[in-house]
Amino acid sequence: MSGVRGAIEDVRAHSGWVIRDGDSIDLWRDNWCSPISLKDWINDDYIPWNDLHAKVSSIIVEGRWVIPISCCFTY
């Protein structure tokens, strides 16, 4: 690959997120934990996505990720 397209793909392959407190990262729509967003990974049109506005900070408690157990068994 050459040119800008190759450079963009190279940057994406070697980039990552700095989570910090998670206040500015959309839990569902940003691709903070995988190459695609959780919304796209779950891919369920029956979920009311417009009503979900959680930030990553909502699952960080005392510096650790705390995933509600109900989410662990849903998908």
Protein backbone atom coordinates (compact mmCIF):
# COMPACT_ATOMS: atom_id res chain seq x y z
CA MET A 1 0.00 0.00 0.00
CA SER A 2 1.14 3.47 -0.66
CA GLY A 3 0.05 7.02 -0.22
CA VAL A 4 -2.36 8.45 2.31
CA ARG A 5 -4.59 5.36 2.43
CA GLY A 6 -1.68 3.18 3.49
CA ALA A 7 -0.57 5.73 6.07
CA ILE A 8 -4.07 5.95 7.60
CA GLU A 9 -4.30 2.17 7.88
CA ASP A 10 -0.84 2.03 9.46
CA VAL A 11 -1.77 4.70 12.02
CA ARG A 12 -5.02 2.87 12.89
CA ALA A 13 -3.16 -0.41 13.32
CA HIS A 14 -0.76 1.17 15.81
CA SER A 15 -3.16 3.47 17.68
CA GLY A 16 -5.19 3.00 20.82
CA TRP A 17 -7.37 4.82 23.29
CA VAL A 18 -6.28 6.53 26.48
CA ILE A 19 -9.29 5.94 28.71
CA ARG A 20 -8.33 8.07 31.77
CA ASP A 21 -11.61 8.60 33.67
CA GLY A 22 -13.80 7.68 30.67
CA ASP A 23 -16.00 10.79 30.93
CA SER A 24 -15.59 11.72 27.26
CA ILE A 25 -15.90 8.24 25.73
CA ASP A 26 -19.31 6.95 24.63
CA LEU A 27 -19.64 3.42 26.02
CA TRP A 28 -21.78 2.23 23.11
CA ARG A 29 -20.77 4.24 20.04
CA ASP A 30 -17.00 4.80 20.32
CA ASN A 31 -14.65 1.98 19.36
CA TRP A 32 -12.68 2.23 22.60
CA CYS A 33 -12.32 -1.51 23.32
CA SER A 34 -12.27 -3.13 19.87
CA PRO A 35 -11.99 -2.19 16.19
CA ILE A 36 -15.76 -1.57 16.16
CA SER A 37 -18.14 -0.01 18.67
CA LEU A 38 -20.11 -2.14 21.11
CA LYS A 39 -23.29 -0.95 19.36
CA ASP A 40 -22.03 -2.27 16.02
CA TRP A 41 -20.69 -5.47 17.60
CA ILE A 42 -24.04 -6.22 19.31
CA ASN A 43 -25.91 -5.23 16.13
CA ASP A 44 -29.44 -5.39 17.53
CA ASP A 45 -32.00 -2.98 16.09
CA TYR A 46 -34.44 -3.74 18.92
CA ILE A 47 -32.25 -2.02 21.50
CA PRO A 48 -33.29 1.64 21.98
CA TRP A 49 -29.82 3.04 21.15
CA ASN A 50 -31.07 6.64 21.13
CA ASP A 51 -31.91 6.26 24.83
CA LEU A 52 -28.47 4.93 25.80
CA HIS A 53 -26.01 7.69 26.66
CA ALA A 54 -23.59 5.98 29.08
CA LYS A 55 -19.94 6.94 29.18
CA VAL A 56 -17.10 4.51 29.88
CA SER A 57 -16.79 6.24 33.27
CA SER A 58 -20.07 4.58 34.28
CA ILE A 59 -18.33 1.18 34.38
CA ILE A 60 -15.18 2.37 36.16
CA VAL A 61 -15.32 2.03 39.94
CA GLU A 62 -12.25 2.80 42.05
CA GLY A 63 -10.03 2.59 38.97
CA ARG A 64 -11.34 -0.79 37.80
CA TRP A 65 -13.83 -1.84 35.20
CA VAL A 66 -17.04 -3.13 36.71
CA ILE A 67 -19.32 -4.75 34.13
CA PRO A 68 -22.84 -5.44 35.44
CA ILE A 69 -23.37 -9.20 35.60
CA SER A 70 -26.64 -8.85 33.65
CA CYS A 71 -24.58 -7.67 30.64
CA CYS A 72 -22.24 -10.64 30.83
CA PHE A 73 -24.94 -13.17 30.09
CA THR A 74 -26.98 -11.21 27.56
CA TYR A 75 -24.60 -11.57 24.61
